[in-house]
Each structure stands twice: as C-alpha cells, then as structure tokens.
Amino acid sequence: MHQTFDAALELNLLQANQDGADHNRAHFDQWGITCFNVMSSPGAGKTALLEATLAKLNTEYQIAVIEGDMTTELDADRLRRCGVPVIAINTGRSCYLDSKMVAGGIHQLAHRD
C-alpha cells in the first residue's frame, strides 16, 4: 500500500506541474512568446551561451530571462549586464524551475513595460 500511495502522489505532483506548464504555455502563445529552456550540469557553460546569444540577438528581438539558481543571483547579474530584463528565482534545494516558479517569473515580467 505504501508503494501505491507514493506512486499516486508522484503522479499527482507530475500532473499538477503539467497543468501549470499548460497554463504557462497558454500565456506564451497569447503573448506571442517563443520560450527556450536551457538546462545542463553546473559549470557546463549555460550562462556563457546565454551571454553570447543575448549579445547577438538583443538588438533584433525583445528578450527576457527567467533564471533559476539554488542560492545566488550571480548568473542573473551576469545576464542583466547584457541589457535584458532578468527575473532571478532562487530554487532552494531544487535544481530546476517548476511550472509555478516559471509562472511567478512570467507574471513579474508581465508587470514590466
């Protein structure tokens, strides 16, 4: 019974996150936003890739970043120097942004010009 409960709880959490992701997707579609999720191991070069990308595309496109980090805003600060709005989300013990965290970032950006 314990294993069945754990599996059901996991499915419920996954479904809740999927529902939130679907909600986020509806916002992206409504606002005409193309969204990219960049994930990799720490130190793999994600922030450097984003810095180079922002340097090339920032004058052609309106770009914003929702940046997740477990404890700091160091990468967010690096990306802010590229001249784009950056929403920094400290994820605590989690190494990823879930759909609720992304929704919070989306709504923060929506309140900007």
N, C-alpha and C. Protein backbone atom coordinates (compact mmCIF):
# COMPACT_ATOMS: atom_id res chain seq x y z
N MET A 1 0.82 -1.19 0.00
CA MET A 1 0.00 0.00 0.00
C MET A 1 0.86 1.25 0.00
N HIS A 2 1.97 1.26 0.74
CA HIS A 2 2.84 2.43 0.81
C HIS A 2 3.39 2.78 -0.57
N GLN A 3 3.81 1.75 -1.32
CA GLN A 3 4.35 1.98 -2.66
C GLN A 3 3.27 2.54 -3.59
N THR A 4 2.06 2.05 -3.49
CA THR A 4 0.95 2.54 -4.31
C THR A 4 0.65 4.00 -3.99
N PHE A 5 0.68 4.36 -2.70
CA PHE A 5 0.44 5.74 -2.29
C PHE A 5 1.53 6.65 -2.86
N ASP A 6 2.81 6.22 -2.77
CA ASP A 6 3.91 7.01 -3.30
C ASP A 6 3.77 7.23 -4.80
N ALA A 7 3.40 6.19 -5.53
CA ALA A 7 3.23 6.31 -6.98
C ALA A 7 2.08 7.26 -7.31
N ALA A 8 0.99 7.16 -6.56
CA ALA A 8 -0.15 8.05 -6.81
C ALA A 8 0.22 9.49 -6.50
N LEU A 9 0.95 9.71 -5.42
CA LEU A 9 1.39 11.06 -5.06
C LEU A 9 2.30 11.63 -6.14
N GLU A 10 3.23 10.81 -6.63
CA GLU A 10 4.13 11.25 -7.69
C GLU A 10 3.35 11.62 -8.94
N LEU A 11 2.39 10.80 -9.32
CA LEU A 11 1.56 11.11 -10.48
C LEU A 11 0.78 12.40 -10.29
N ASN A 12 0.25 12.61 -9.09
CA ASN A 12 -0.49 13.84 -8.82
C ASN A 12 0.43 15.06 -8.93
N LEU A 13 1.65 14.97 -8.40
CA LEU A 13 2.59 16.08 -8.48
C LEU A 13 2.99 16.35 -9.93
N LEU A 14 3.23 15.29 -10.68
CA LEU A 14 3.57 15.46 -12.09
C LEU A 14 2.41 16.08 -12.86
N GLN A 15 1.20 15.66 -12.57
CA GLN A 15 0.03 16.21 -13.26
C GLN A 15 -0.17 17.68 -12.88
N ALA A 16 0.03 18.00 -11.61
CA ALA A 16 -0.10 19.40 -11.18
C ALA A 16 0.93 20.27 -11.89
N ASN A 17 2.17 19.77 -12.03
CA ASN A 17 3.19 20.53 -12.73
C ASN A 17 2.84 20.66 -14.22
N GLN A 18 2.31 19.59 -14.81
CA GLN A 18 1.90 19.65 -16.21
C GLN A 18 0.77 20.65 -16.42
N ASP A 19 -0.18 20.67 -15.51
CA ASP A 19 -1.27 21.64 -15.60
C ASP A 19 -0.72 23.06 -15.55
N GLY A 20 0.24 23.30 -14.66
CA GLY A 20 0.87 24.61 -14.58
C GLY A 20 1.64 24.94 -15.84
N ALA A 21 2.34 23.96 -16.40
CA ALA A 21 3.08 24.17 -17.65
C ALA A 21 2.13 24.49 -18.80
N ASP A 22 0.99 23.82 -18.83
CA ASP A 22 -0.01 24.13 -19.86
C ASP A 22 -0.52 25.56 -19.71
N HIS A 23 -0.72 26.00 -18.48
CA HIS A 23 -1.15 27.38 -18.21
C HIS A 23 -0.08 28.36 -18.70
N ASN A 24 1.18 28.06 -18.40
CA ASN A 24 2.28 28.92 -18.86
C ASN A 24 2.31 28.97 -20.39
N ARG A 25 2.16 27.81 -21.03
CA ARG A 25 2.17 27.75 -22.49
C ARG A 25 1.06 28.61 -23.07
N ALA A 26 -0.10 28.62 -22.44
CA ALA A 26 -1.21 29.46 -22.92
C ALA A 26 -0.80 30.93 -22.88
N HIS A 27 -0.12 31.35 -21.82
CA HIS A 27 0.37 32.73 -21.76
C HIS A 27 1.38 33.00 -22.87
N PHE A 28 2.34 32.10 -23.04
CA PHE A 28 3.34 32.30 -24.09
C PHE A 28 2.67 32.44 -25.46
N ASP A 29 1.71 31.57 -25.73
CA ASP A 29 1.02 31.63 -27.01
C ASP A 29 0.22 32.93 -27.16
N GLN A 30 -0.48 33.32 -26.10
CA GLN A 30 -1.29 34.54 -26.13
C GLN A 30 -0.41 35.77 -26.38
N TRP A 31 0.75 35.80 -25.78
CA TRP A 31 1.64 36.95 -25.90
C TRP A 31 2.60 36.85 -27.08
N GLY A 32 2.55 35.75 -27.84
CA GLY A 32 3.45 35.58 -28.98
C GLY A 32 4.89 35.39 -28.56
N ILE A 33 5.12 34.67 -27.49
CA ILE A 33 6.46 34.47 -26.95
C ILE A 33 7.00 33.10 -27.37
N THR A 34 8.22 33.10 -27.86
CA THR A 34 8.94 31.86 -28.06
C THR A 34 9.79 31.65 -26.82
N CYS A 35 9.67 30.49 -26.23
CA CYS A 35 10.33 30.21 -24.95
C CYS A 35 11.32 29.07 -25.11
N PHE A 36 12.51 29.24 -24.55
CA PHE A 36 13.54 28.20 -24.56
C PHE A 36 13.89 27.83 -23.13
N ASN A 37 14.10 26.57 -22.91
CA ASN A 37 14.53 26.07 -21.61
C ASN A 37 15.95 25.56 -21.78
N VAL A 38 16.90 26.18 -21.09
CA VAL A 38 18.31 25.78 -21.18
C VAL A 38 18.68 25.09 -19.87
N MET A 39 19.03 23.82 -19.98
CA MET A 39 19.37 23.03 -18.80
C MET A 39 20.66 22.27 -19.04
N SER A 40 21.46 22.15 -17.99
CA SER A 40 22.67 21.34 -18.06
C SER A 40 23.29 21.29 -16.68
N SER A 41 24.36 20.58 -16.56
CA SER A 41 25.09 20.46 -15.29
C SER A 41 25.74 21.79 -14.92
N PRO A 42 25.97 22.02 -13.63
CA PRO A 42 26.69 23.23 -13.21
C PRO A 42 28.06 23.29 -13.89
N GLY A 43 28.40 24.49 -14.36
CA GLY A 43 29.70 24.70 -14.98
C GLY A 43 29.77 24.30 -16.44
N ALA A 44 28.66 23.89 -17.04
CA ALA A 44 28.67 23.43 -18.43
C ALA A 44 28.73 24.57 -19.44
N GLY A 45 28.43 25.81 -19.01
CA GLY A 45 28.51 26.95 -19.91
C GLY A 45 27.18 27.55 -20.31
N LYS A 46 26.13 27.26 -19.56
CA LYS A 46 24.80 27.80 -19.90
C LYS A 46 24.80 29.32 -19.89
N THR A 47 25.35 29.91 -18.85
CA THR A 47 25.33 31.37 -18.74
C THR A 47 26.18 32.00 -19.83
N ALA A 48 27.34 31.42 -20.12
CA ALA A 48 28.19 31.93 -21.21
C ALA A 48 27.47 31.84 -22.55
N LEU A 49 26.75 30.75 -22.78
CA LEU A 49 25.97 30.60 -24.00
C LEU A 49 24.89 31.68 -24.09
N LEU A 50 24.20 31.91 -22.98
CA LEU A 50 23.17 32.95 -22.97
C LEU A 50 23.77 34.33 -23.18
N GLU A 51 24.91 34.61 -22.55
CA GLU A 51 25.56 35.91 -22.75
C GLU A 51 25.88 36.13 -24.23
N ALA A 52 26.44 35.13 -24.88
CA ALA A 52 26.80 35.26 -26.30
C ALA A 52 25.54 35.40 -27.15
N THR A 53 24.51 34.65 -26.83
CA THR A 53 23.26 34.73 -27.58
C THR A 53 22.62 36.10 -27.41
N LEU A 54 22.58 36.60 -26.19
CA LEU A 54 21.98 37.91 -25.94
C LEU A 54 22.76 39.01 -26.65
N ALA A 55 24.07 38.90 -26.68
CA ALA A 55 24.89 39.91 -27.36
C ALA A 55 24.55 39.96 -28.85
N LYS A 56 24.25 38.83 -29.45
CA LYS A 56 23.94 38.77 -30.89
C LYS A 56 22.50 39.15 -31.20
N LEU A 57 21.56 38.81 -30.31
CA LEU A 57 20.14 38.95 -30.65
C LEU A 57 19.41 40.07 -29.93
N ASN A 58 20.01 40.65 -28.93
CA ASN A 58 19.32 41.64 -28.09
C ASN A 58 18.84 42.86 -28.87
N THR A 59 19.53 43.23 -29.94
CA THR A 59 19.10 44.40 -30.70
C THR A 59 18.01 44.06 -31.72
N GLU A 60 17.85 42.78 -32.05
CA GLU A 60 16.84 42.37 -33.03
C GLU A 60 15.53 41.93 -32.40
N TYR A 61 15.59 41.43 -31.17
CA TYR A 61 14.41 40.86 -30.52
C TYR A 61 14.27 41.40 -29.11
N GLN A 62 13.04 41.41 -28.63
CA GLN A 62 12.81 41.69 -27.22
C GLN A 62 13.04 40.38 -26.47
N ILE A 63 13.98 40.38 -25.56
CA ILE A 63 14.36 39.16 -24.86
C ILE A 63 14.31 39.41 -23.36
N ALA A 64 13.84 38.41 -22.64
CA ALA A 64 13.87 38.43 -21.18
C ALA A 64 14.30 37.04 -20.73
N VAL A 65 14.81 36.98 -19.52
CA VAL A 65 15.31 35.72 -18.98
C VAL A 65 14.69 35.48 -17.61
N ILE A 66 14.22 34.27 -17.40
CA ILE A 66 13.85 33.79 -16.06
C ILE A 66 14.95 32.82 -15.68
N GLU A 67 15.73 33.19 -14.69
CA GLU A 67 16.93 32.44 -14.35
C GLU A 67 16.78 31.79 -12.99
N GLY A 68 16.98 30.50 -12.94
CA GLY A 68 16.88 29.78 -11.67
C GLY A 68 18.24 29.40 -11.14
N ASP A 69 18.43 29.61 -9.86
CA ASP A 69 19.67 29.23 -9.18
C ASP A 69 19.31 28.79 -7.78
N MET A 70 20.03 27.83 -7.27
CA MET A 70 19.69 27.29 -5.95
C MET A 70 19.87 28.32 -4.83
N THR A 71 20.89 29.18 -4.93
CA THR A 71 21.13 30.06 -3.78
C THR A 71 21.54 31.49 -4.12
N THR A 72 22.04 31.76 -5.31
CA THR A 72 22.60 33.09 -5.58
C THR A 72 21.93 33.75 -6.77
N GLU A 73 22.33 35.00 -7.03
CA GLU A 73 21.91 35.72 -8.23
C GLU A 73 23.11 36.05 -9.11
N LEU A 74 24.21 35.33 -8.96
CA LEU A 74 25.42 35.63 -9.71
C LEU A 74 25.20 35.53 -11.22
N ASP A 75 24.58 34.45 -11.67
CA ASP A 75 24.32 34.30 -13.11
C ASP A 75 23.30 35.32 -13.59
N ALA A 76 22.29 35.58 -12.78
CA ALA A 76 21.30 36.60 -13.14
C ALA A 76 21.97 37.96 -13.30
N ASP A 77 22.89 38.30 -12.41
CA ASP A 77 23.60 39.57 -12.52
C ASP A 77 24.44 39.62 -13.81
N ARG A 78 25.08 38.52 -14.15
CA ARG A 78 25.84 38.47 -15.40
C ARG A 78 24.93 38.74 -16.59
N LEU A 79 23.76 38.14 -16.59
CA LEU A 79 22.83 38.31 -17.72
C LEU A 79 22.22 39.70 -17.74
N ARG A 80 22.00 40.30 -16.59
CA ARG A 80 21.48 41.69 -16.55
C ARG A 80 22.44 42.64 -17.24
N ARG A 81 23.74 42.38 -17.15
CA ARG A 81 24.72 43.24 -17.81
C ARG A 81 24.60 43.20 -19.33
N CYS A 82 23.84 42.24 -19.84
CA CYS A 82 23.59 42.16 -21.29
C CYS A 82 22.45 43.08 -21.71
N GLY A 83 21.82 43.75 -20.74
CA GLY A 83 20.79 44.73 -21.05
C GLY A 83 19.40 44.17 -21.25
N VAL A 84 19.13 43.00 -20.68
CA VAL A 84 17.79 42.41 -20.80
C VAL A 84 17.18 42.28 -19.41
N PRO A 85 15.85 42.28 -19.34
CA PRO A 85 15.21 42.03 -18.05
C PRO A 85 15.48 40.59 -17.62
N VAL A 86 15.85 40.44 -16.36
CA VAL A 86 16.13 39.11 -15.81
C VAL A 86 15.36 38.96 -14.50
N ILE A 87 14.58 37.92 -14.42
CA ILE A 87 13.90 37.55 -13.17
C ILE A 87 14.70 36.41 -12.57
N ALA A 88 15.25 36.63 -11.40
CA ALA A 88 16.03 35.60 -10.71
C ALA A 88 15.14 34.89 -9.72
N ILE A 89 15.16 33.57 -9.77
CA ILE A 89 14.38 32.76 -8.85
C ILE A 89 15.32 31.82 -8.12
N ASN A 90 15.38 31.97 -6.81
CA ASN A 90 16.16 31.04 -6.00
C ASN A 90 15.32 29.81 -5.75
N THR A 91 15.84 28.67 -6.18
CA THR A 91 15.07 27.44 -6.14
C THR A 91 15.26 26.65 -4.85
N GLY A 92 16.10 27.14 -3.96
CA GLY A 92 16.32 26.42 -2.70
C GLY A 92 17.05 25.12 -2.95
N ARG A 93 16.48 24.04 -2.52
CA ARG A 93 17.13 22.73 -2.68
C ARG A 93 16.91 22.12 -4.07
N SER A 94 16.02 22.68 -4.82
CA SER A 94 15.70 22.14 -6.13
C SER A 94 16.69 22.68 -7.17
N CYS A 95 17.03 21.85 -8.13
CA CYS A 95 17.98 22.28 -9.17
C CYS A 95 17.28 22.63 -10.47
N TYR A 96 15.98 22.88 -10.41
CA TYR A 96 15.23 23.22 -11.61
C TYR A 96 14.08 24.15 -11.24
N LEU A 97 13.51 24.78 -12.24
CA LEU A 97 12.32 25.61 -12.06
C LEU A 97 11.10 24.77 -12.38
N ASP A 98 10.15 24.71 -11.47
CA ASP A 98 8.90 24.02 -11.79
C ASP A 98 7.94 25.03 -12.42
N SER A 99 6.78 24.55 -12.83
CA SER A 99 5.85 25.42 -13.56
C SER A 99 5.35 26.59 -12.71
N LYS A 100 5.21 26.40 -11.39
CA LYS A 100 4.77 27.51 -10.54
C LYS A 100 5.83 28.59 -10.46
N MET A 101 7.10 28.19 -10.39
CA MET A 101 8.19 29.17 -10.36
C MET A 101 8.22 29.97 -11.66
N VAL A 102 8.07 29.26 -12.77
CA VAL A 102 8.06 29.93 -14.08
C VAL A 102 6.87 30.88 -14.16
N ALA A 103 5.71 30.45 -13.68
CA ALA A 103 4.53 31.32 -13.69
C ALA A 103 4.79 32.60 -12.90
N GLY A 104 5.43 32.47 -11.76
CA GLY A 104 5.78 33.66 -10.98
C GLY A 104 6.68 34.60 -11.76
N GLY A 105 7.66 34.04 -12.47
CA GLY A 105 8.54 34.86 -13.30
C GLY A 105 7.81 35.52 -14.45
N ILE A 106 6.90 34.77 -15.08
CA ILE A 106 6.11 35.32 -16.18
C ILE A 106 5.30 36.52 -15.71
N HIS A 107 4.66 36.38 -14.57
CA HIS A 107 3.80 37.46 -14.08
C HIS A 107 4.62 38.66 -13.63
N GLN A 108 5.83 38.43 -13.13
CA GLN A 108 6.71 39.56 -12.82
C GLN A 108 7.09 40.31 -14.09
N LEU A 109 7.40 39.57 -15.14
CA LEU A 109 7.73 40.20 -16.41
C LEU A 109 6.55 40.93 -17.02
N ALA A 110 5.35 40.38 -16.85
CA ALA A 110 4.15 40.99 -17.41
C ALA A 110 3.89 42.37 -16.80
N HIS A 111 4.35 42.59 -15.59
CA HIS A 111 4.15 43.88 -14.94
C HIS A 111 5.21 44.91 -15.33
N ARG A 112 6.17 44.49 -16.14
CA ARG A 112 7.17 45.42 -16.66
C ARG A 112 6.68 45.93 -18.01
N ASP A 113 7.33 46.95 -18.50
CA ASP A 113 6.91 47.54 -19.78
C ASP A 113 7.13 46.56 -20.91
